[in-house]
Amino acid sequence: MIPGLWILQQLKKIFNEKNLDIDYSDFGNMAKKSNLISFVDLENERFLHAEKMDMEIKAYCRETGQEVPETDEDLLRVAYNSLKKQYNKSIKELEKLVGNEFTSIIAIGGGIQDKFLCQEISDETNRVIKAGPIEASAFGNIITQFIALGLVKNLEEGREIVKNSVEIIEYKSKRKEEK
């Protein structure tokens, strides 16, 4: 399973309930302030429907013998650790299924605005992350309509148009060791 950013959305909800003026753009810088290496298994059902994500994260860390997050920065660090580990696991599973090793990963959607997350995933997977476009689904819809109208020949031509229309940011792994 490749998770979305549900865990971050739920932590944002908790921060809002505590009347903290914290925006998604603050998350990466906050997480950098924590050295926690704890993580949660995002495939565990308890995180899919958690009412209080902060409490579930703390309970899971306690139950698995990991350091329990104490601050908001710690909670965010655990969330980022969990996301990058889950993405790495999913990528390895996909590589095994297709019998091919990927050297880069194309990341799309709103989550790519989180530069810290993109770099963390690159470091964890030891692969280049090519981030963009943010509005990938809108581009897909437009290209599909253009193909139907005969304005674009095929999907390959549509992809080339998108590639030449948006900025793709590359994040390179800072790890030295092999995958």
C-alpha atoms as a PDB file:
ATOM      1  CA  MET A   1       0.000   0.000   0.000  1.00  0.00           C
ATOM      2  CA  ILE A   2       1.269   3.459  -0.879  1.00  0.00           C
ATOM      3  CA  PRO A   3      -0.210   5.816   1.691  1.00  0.00           C
ATOM      4  CA  GLY A   4      -1.344   9.315   1.067  1.00  0.00           C
ATOM      5  CA  LEU A   5      -0.681  12.021   3.570  1.00  0.00           C
ATOM      6  CA  TRP A   6      -3.549  11.046   5.886  1.00  0.00           C
ATOM      7  CA  ILE A   7      -1.284  10.897   8.928  1.00  0.00           C
ATOM      8  CA  LEU A   8      -0.150  14.500   8.331  1.00  0.00           C
ATOM      9  CA  GLN A   9      -3.732  15.644   7.733  1.00  0.00           C
ATOM     10  CA  GLN A  10      -4.804  14.118  11.018  1.00  0.00           C
ATOM     11  CA  LEU A  11      -1.933  15.744  12.899  1.00  0.00           C
ATOM     12  CA  LYS A  12      -2.892  19.091  11.332  1.00  0.00           C
ATOM     13  CA  LYS A  13      -6.410  18.543  12.687  1.00  0.00           C
ATOM     14  CA  ILE A  14      -4.968  17.928  16.172  1.00  0.00           C
ATOM     15  CA  PHE A  15      -2.844  21.088  15.952  1.00  0.00           C
ATOM     16  CA  ASN A  16      -5.922  23.083  14.908  1.00  0.00           C
ATOM     17  CA  GLU A  17      -7.876  21.697  17.882  1.00  0.00           C
ATOM     18  CA  LYS A  18      -5.051  22.918  20.144  1.00  0.00           C
ATOM     19  CA  ASN A  19      -5.400  26.367  18.487  1.00  0.00           C
ATOM     20  CA  LEU A  20      -1.870  26.167  17.141  1.00  0.00           C
ATOM     21  CA  ASP A  21      -1.183  28.280  14.078  1.00  0.00           C
ATOM     22  CA  ILE A  22       0.755  25.616  12.209  1.00  0.00           C
ATOM     23  CA  ASP A  23       0.473  25.219   8.460  1.00  0.00           C
ATOM     24  CA  TYR A  24       1.531  22.257   6.326  1.00  0.00           C
ATOM     25  CA  SER A  25       4.430  24.367   5.069  1.00  0.00           C
ATOM     26  CA  ASP A  26       5.769  24.423   8.661  1.00  0.00           C
ATOM     27  CA  PHE A  27       5.742  20.639   9.075  1.00  0.00           C
ATOM     28  CA  GLY A  28       9.124  19.854   7.533  1.00  0.00           C
ATOM     29  CA  ASN A  29      10.987  22.481   9.542  1.00  0.00           C
ATOM     30  CA  MET A  30       9.282  21.300  12.708  1.00  0.00           C
ATOM     31  CA  ALA A  31      10.153  17.656  12.031  1.00  0.00           C
ATOM     32  CA  LYS A  32      13.799  18.601  11.446  1.00  0.00           C
ATOM     33  CA  LYS A  33      13.955  19.747  15.078  1.00  0.00           C
ATOM     34  CA  SER A  34      13.398  16.191  16.310  1.00  0.00           C
ATOM     35  CA  ASN A  35      15.952  13.379  16.226  1.00  0.00           C
ATOM     36  CA  LEU A  36      13.399  10.661  16.958  1.00  0.00           C
ATOM     37  CA  ILE A  37      13.813   7.510  14.865  1.00  0.00           C
ATOM     38  CA  SER A  38      10.487   5.992  15.921  1.00  0.00           C
ATOM     39  CA  PHE A  39       7.930   5.113  13.262  1.00  0.00           C
ATOM     40  CA  VAL A  40       4.517   3.503  12.935  1.00  0.00           C
ATOM     41  CA  ASP A  41       3.216   0.868  10.533  1.00  0.00           C
ATOM     42  CA  LEU A  42       0.890   2.845   8.284  1.00  0.00           C
ATOM     43  CA  GLU A  43      -0.718  -0.396   7.095  1.00  0.00           C
ATOM     44  CA  ASN A  44      -1.983  -1.030  10.622  1.00  0.00           C
ATOM     45  CA  GLU A  45      -5.765  -0.494  10.701  1.00  0.00           C
ATOM     46  CA  ARG A  46      -5.554   1.663  13.807  1.00  0.00           C
ATOM     47  CA  PHE A  47      -4.079   4.501  11.741  1.00  0.00           C
ATOM     48  CA  LEU A  48      -6.704   4.378   8.995  1.00  0.00           C
ATOM     49  CA  HIS A  49      -9.555   5.465  11.252  1.00  0.00           C
ATOM     50  CA  ALA A  50      -7.766   7.134  14.146  1.00  0.00           C
ATOM     51  CA  GLU A  51      -9.829   9.793  15.895  1.00  0.00           C
ATOM     52  CA  LYS A  52      -6.796  11.099  17.776  1.00  0.00           C
ATOM     53  CA  MET A  53      -3.771  10.393  15.602  1.00  0.00           C
ATOM     54  CA  ASP A  54      -1.351  11.783  18.177  1.00  0.00           C
ATOM     55  CA  MET A  55      -2.585   9.324  20.817  1.00  0.00           C
ATOM     56  CA  GLU A  56      -2.460   6.378  18.382  1.00  0.00           C
ATOM     57  CA  ILE A  57       1.109   7.241  17.397  1.00  0.00           C
ATOM     58  CA  LYS A  58       2.187   7.478  21.037  1.00  0.00           C
ATOM     59  CA  ALA A  59       0.425   4.235  21.979  1.00  0.00           C
ATOM     60  CA  TYR A  60       1.940   2.363  19.028  1.00  0.00           C
ATOM     61  CA  CYS A  61       5.447   3.573  19.842  1.00  0.00           C
ATOM     62  CA  ARG A  62       4.988   2.600  23.494  1.00  0.00           C
ATOM     63  CA  GLU A  63       3.599  -0.852  22.563  1.00  0.00           C
ATOM     64  CA  THR A  64       6.452  -1.548  20.137  1.00  0.00           C
ATOM     65  CA  GLY A  65       9.195  -0.467  22.542  1.00  0.00           C
ATOM     66  CA  GLN A  66      10.150   2.650  20.613  1.00  0.00           C
ATOM     67  CA  GLU A  67      10.806   6.106  21.966  1.00  0.00           C
ATOM     68  CA  VAL A  68       7.449   7.823  22.492  1.00  0.00           C
ATOM     69  CA  PRO A  69       7.053  11.261  20.893  1.00  0.00           C
ATOM     70  CA  GLU A  70       6.623  14.040  23.441  1.00  0.00           C
ATOM     71  CA  THR A  71       6.405  17.191  21.323  1.00  0.00           C
ATOM     72  CA  ASP A  72       4.579  18.230  18.165  1.00  0.00           C
ATOM     73  CA  GLU A  73       7.955  18.151  16.424  1.00  0.00           C
ATOM     74  CA  ASP A  74       8.431  14.551  17.569  1.00  0.00           C
ATOM     75  CA  LEU A  75       4.974  13.583  16.288  1.00  0.00           C
ATOM     76  CA  LEU A  76       5.749  15.057  12.893  1.00  0.00           C
ATOM     77  CA  ARG A  77       9.138  13.314  12.787  1.00  0.00           C
ATOM     78  CA  VAL A  78       7.427   9.985  13.484  1.00  0.00           C
ATOM     79  CA  ALA A  79       4.915  10.719  10.708  1.00  0.00           C
ATOM     80  CA  TYR A  80       7.684  11.501   8.200  1.00  0.00           C
ATOM     81  CA  ASN A  81       9.706   8.457   9.295  1.00  0.00           C
ATOM     82  CA  SER A  82       6.626   6.306   8.803  1.00  0.00           C
ATOM     83  CA  LEU A  83       5.806   7.720   5.373  1.00  0.00           C
ATOM     84  CA  LYS A  84       9.314   7.315   3.998  1.00  0.00           C
ATOM     85  CA  LYS A  85       9.601   3.751   5.308  1.00  0.00           C
ATOM     86  CA  GLN A  86       6.224   2.810   3.832  1.00  0.00           C
ATOM     87  CA  TYR A  87       7.111   4.340   0.455  1.00  0.00           C
ATOM     88  CA  ASN A  88      10.419   2.450   0.454  1.00  0.00           C
ATOM     89  CA  LYS A  89       8.647  -0.805   1.279  1.00  0.00           C
ATOM     90  CA  SER A  90       6.057  -0.239  -1.457  1.00  0.00           C
ATOM     91  CA  ILE A  91       8.716   0.604  -4.038  1.00  0.00           C
ATOM     92  CA  LYS A  92      10.656  -2.572  -3.237  1.00  0.00           C
ATOM     93  CA  GLU A  93       7.461  -4.638  -3.501  1.00  0.00           C
ATOM     94  CA  LEU A  94       6.637  -3.048  -6.857  1.00  0.00           C
ATOM     95  CA  GLU A  95      10.168  -3.656  -8.144  1.00  0.00           C
ATOM     96  CA  LYS A  96       9.874  -7.307  -7.153  1.00  0.00           C
ATOM     97  CA  LEU A  97       6.516  -7.595  -8.936  1.00  0.00           C
ATOM     98  CA  VAL A  98       7.736  -6.086 -12.200  1.00  0.00           C
ATOM     99  CA  GLY A  99      11.236  -7.558 -12.014  1.00  0.00           C
ATOM    100  CA  ASN A 100      12.877  -4.194 -12.538  1.00  0.00           C
ATOM    101  CA  GLU A 101      14.761  -1.830 -10.260  1.00  0.00           C
ATOM    102  CA  PHE A 102      13.847   1.842 -10.484  1.00  0.00           C
ATOM    103  CA  THR A 103      16.516   4.526 -10.385  1.00  0.00           C
ATOM    104  CA  SER A 104      14.016   7.344 -10.024  1.00  0.00           C
ATOM    105  CA  ILE A 105      10.477   7.897  -8.801  1.00  0.00           C
ATOM    106  CA  ILE A 106       7.994  10.349 -10.243  1.00  0.00           C
ATOM    107  CA  ALA A 107       5.969  12.003  -7.493  1.00  0.00           C
ATOM    108  CA  ILE A 108       2.883  14.064  -8.316  1.00  0.00           C
ATOM    109  CA  GLY A 109       0.143  15.926  -6.502  1.00  0.00           C
ATOM    110  CA  GLY A 110      -0.010  18.397  -3.652  1.00  0.00           C
ATOM    111  CA  GLY A 111       2.316  16.436  -1.393  1.00  0.00           C
ATOM    112  CA  ILE A 112       5.287  17.308  -3.590  1.00  0.00           C
ATOM    113  CA  GLN A 113       5.141  20.842  -2.228  1.00  0.00           C
ATOM    114  CA  ASP A 114       6.653  19.370   0.935  1.00  0.00           C
ATOM    115  CA  LYS A 115      10.339  19.587   0.063  1.00  0.00           C
ATOM    116  CA  PHE A 116      11.348  17.918   3.310  1.00  0.00           C
ATOM    117  CA  LEU A 117       9.157  14.888   2.542  1.00  0.00           C
ATOM    118  CA  CYS A 118      10.535  14.591  -0.991  1.00  0.00           C
ATOM    119  CA  GLN A 119      14.122  14.687   0.279  1.00  0.00           C
ATOM    120  CA  GLU A 120      13.351  12.206   3.064  1.00  0.00           C
ATOM    121  CA  ILE A 121      11.867   9.766   0.531  1.00  0.00           C
ATOM    122  CA  SER A 122      14.872  10.190  -1.758  1.00  0.00           C
ATOM    123  CA  ASP A 123      17.256   9.529   1.127  1.00  0.00           C
ATOM    124  CA  GLU A 124      15.285   6.524   2.386  1.00  0.00           C
ATOM    125  CA  THR A 125      14.885   4.903  -1.038  1.00  0.00           C
ATOM    126  CA  ASN A 126      18.309   5.996  -2.320  1.00  0.00           C
ATOM    127  CA  ARG A 127      16.611   7.067  -5.545  1.00  0.00           C
ATOM    128  CA  VAL A 128      16.055  10.323  -7.386  1.00  0.00           C
ATOM    129  CA  ILE A 129      12.613  11.819  -6.775  1.00  0.00           C
ATOM    130  CA  LYS A 130      11.236  13.761  -9.748  1.00  0.00           C
ATOM    131  CA  ALA A 131       8.528  15.961  -8.255  1.00  0.00           C
ATOM    132  CA  GLY A 132       5.858  17.513 -10.451  1.00  0.00           C
ATOM    133  CA  PRO A 133       3.282  18.454 -11.483  1.00  0.00           C
ATOM    134  CA  ILE A 134       1.260  19.465  -8.448  1.00  0.00           C
ATOM    135  CA  GLU A 135      -2.044  19.441 -10.354  1.00  0.00           C
ATOM    136  CA  ALA A 136      -1.420  16.116 -12.095  1.00  0.00           C
ATOM    137  CA  SER A 137      -5.071  15.019 -12.193  1.00  0.00           C
ATOM    138  CA  ALA A 138      -6.117  18.288 -13.848  1.00  0.00           C
ATOM    139  CA  PHE A 139      -3.395  17.852 -16.471  1.00  0.00           C
ATOM    140  CA  GLY A 140      -4.544  14.281 -17.048  1.00  0.00           C
ATOM    141  CA  ASN A 141      -8.137  15.370 -17.566  1.00  0.00           C
ATOM    142  CA  ILE A 142      -7.145  18.120 -19.990  1.00  0.00           C
ATOM    143  CA  ILE A 143      -4.867  15.845 -22.013  1.00  0.00           C
ATOM    144  CA  THR A 144      -7.600  13.189 -22.196  1.00  0.00           C
ATOM    145  CA  GLN A 145     -10.055  15.781 -23.504  1.00  0.00           C
ATOM    146  CA  PHE A 146      -7.500  17.056 -26.022  1.00  0.00           C
ATOM    147  CA  ILE A 147      -6.974  13.499 -27.278  1.00  0.00           C
ATOM    148  CA  ALA A 148     -10.753  13.027 -27.615  1.00  0.00           C
ATOM    149  CA  LEU A 149     -11.010  16.307 -29.560  1.00  0.00           C
ATOM    150  CA  GLY A 150      -8.101  15.353 -31.805  1.00  0.00           C
ATOM    151  CA  LEU A 151      -5.961  18.250 -30.579  1.00  0.00           C
ATOM    152  CA  VAL A 152      -3.343  15.840 -29.223  1.00  0.00           C
ATOM    153  CA  LYS A 153      -2.471  12.611 -31.060  1.00  0.00           C
ATOM    154  CA  ASN A 154      -1.955  10.257 -28.150  1.00  0.00           C
ATOM    155  CA  LEU A 155      -0.945   9.864 -24.526  1.00  0.00           C
ATOM    156  CA  GLU A 156       2.773  10.045 -25.322  1.00  0.00           C
ATOM    157  CA  GLU A 157       2.326  13.433 -26.993  1.00  0.00           C
ATOM    158  CA  GLY A 158       0.199  14.572 -24.057  1.00  0.00           C
ATOM    159  CA  ARG A 159       2.880  13.541 -21.586  1.00  0.00           C
ATOM    160  CA  GLU A 160       5.467  15.475 -23.570  1.00  0.00           C
ATOM    161  CA  ILE A 161       3.266  18.583 -23.455  1.00  0.00           C
ATOM    162  CA  VAL A 162       2.904  18.289 -19.683  1.00  0.00           C
ATOM    163  CA  LYS A 163       6.625  17.626 -19.223  1.00  0.00           C
ATOM    164  CA  ASN A 164       7.448  20.789 -21.163  1.00  0.00           C
ATOM    165  CA  SER A 165       4.814  22.852 -19.327  1.00  0.00           C
ATOM    166  CA  VAL A 166       5.743  22.317 -15.690  1.00  0.00           C
ATOM    167  CA  GLU A 167       8.828  22.510 -13.545  1.00  0.00           C
ATOM    168  CA  ILE A 168      10.071  19.136 -12.381  1.00  0.00           C
ATOM    169  CA  ILE A 169      12.222  19.348  -9.256  1.00  0.00           C
ATOM    170  CA  GLU A 170      14.726  16.572  -8.652  1.00  0.00           C
ATOM    171  CA  TYR A 171      15.704  15.426  -5.187  1.00  0.00           C
ATOM    172  CA  LYS A 172      18.855  13.326  -5.046  1.00  0.00           C
ATOM    173  CA  SER A 173      19.637  10.959  -2.214  1.00  0.00           C
ATOM    174  CA  LYS A 174      22.288  12.108   0.213  1.00  0.00           C
ATOM    175  CA  ARG A 175      22.994   8.496   1.183  1.00  0.00           C
ATOM    176  CA  LYS A 176      26.279   6.995   0.080  1.00  0.00           C
ATOM    177  CA  GLU A 177      25.461   3.322   0.466  1.00  0.00           C
ATOM    178  CA  GLU A 178      23.718   1.167  -2.101  1.00  0.00           C
ATOM    179  CA  LYS A 179      20.001   0.378  -2.174  1.00  0.00           C
END
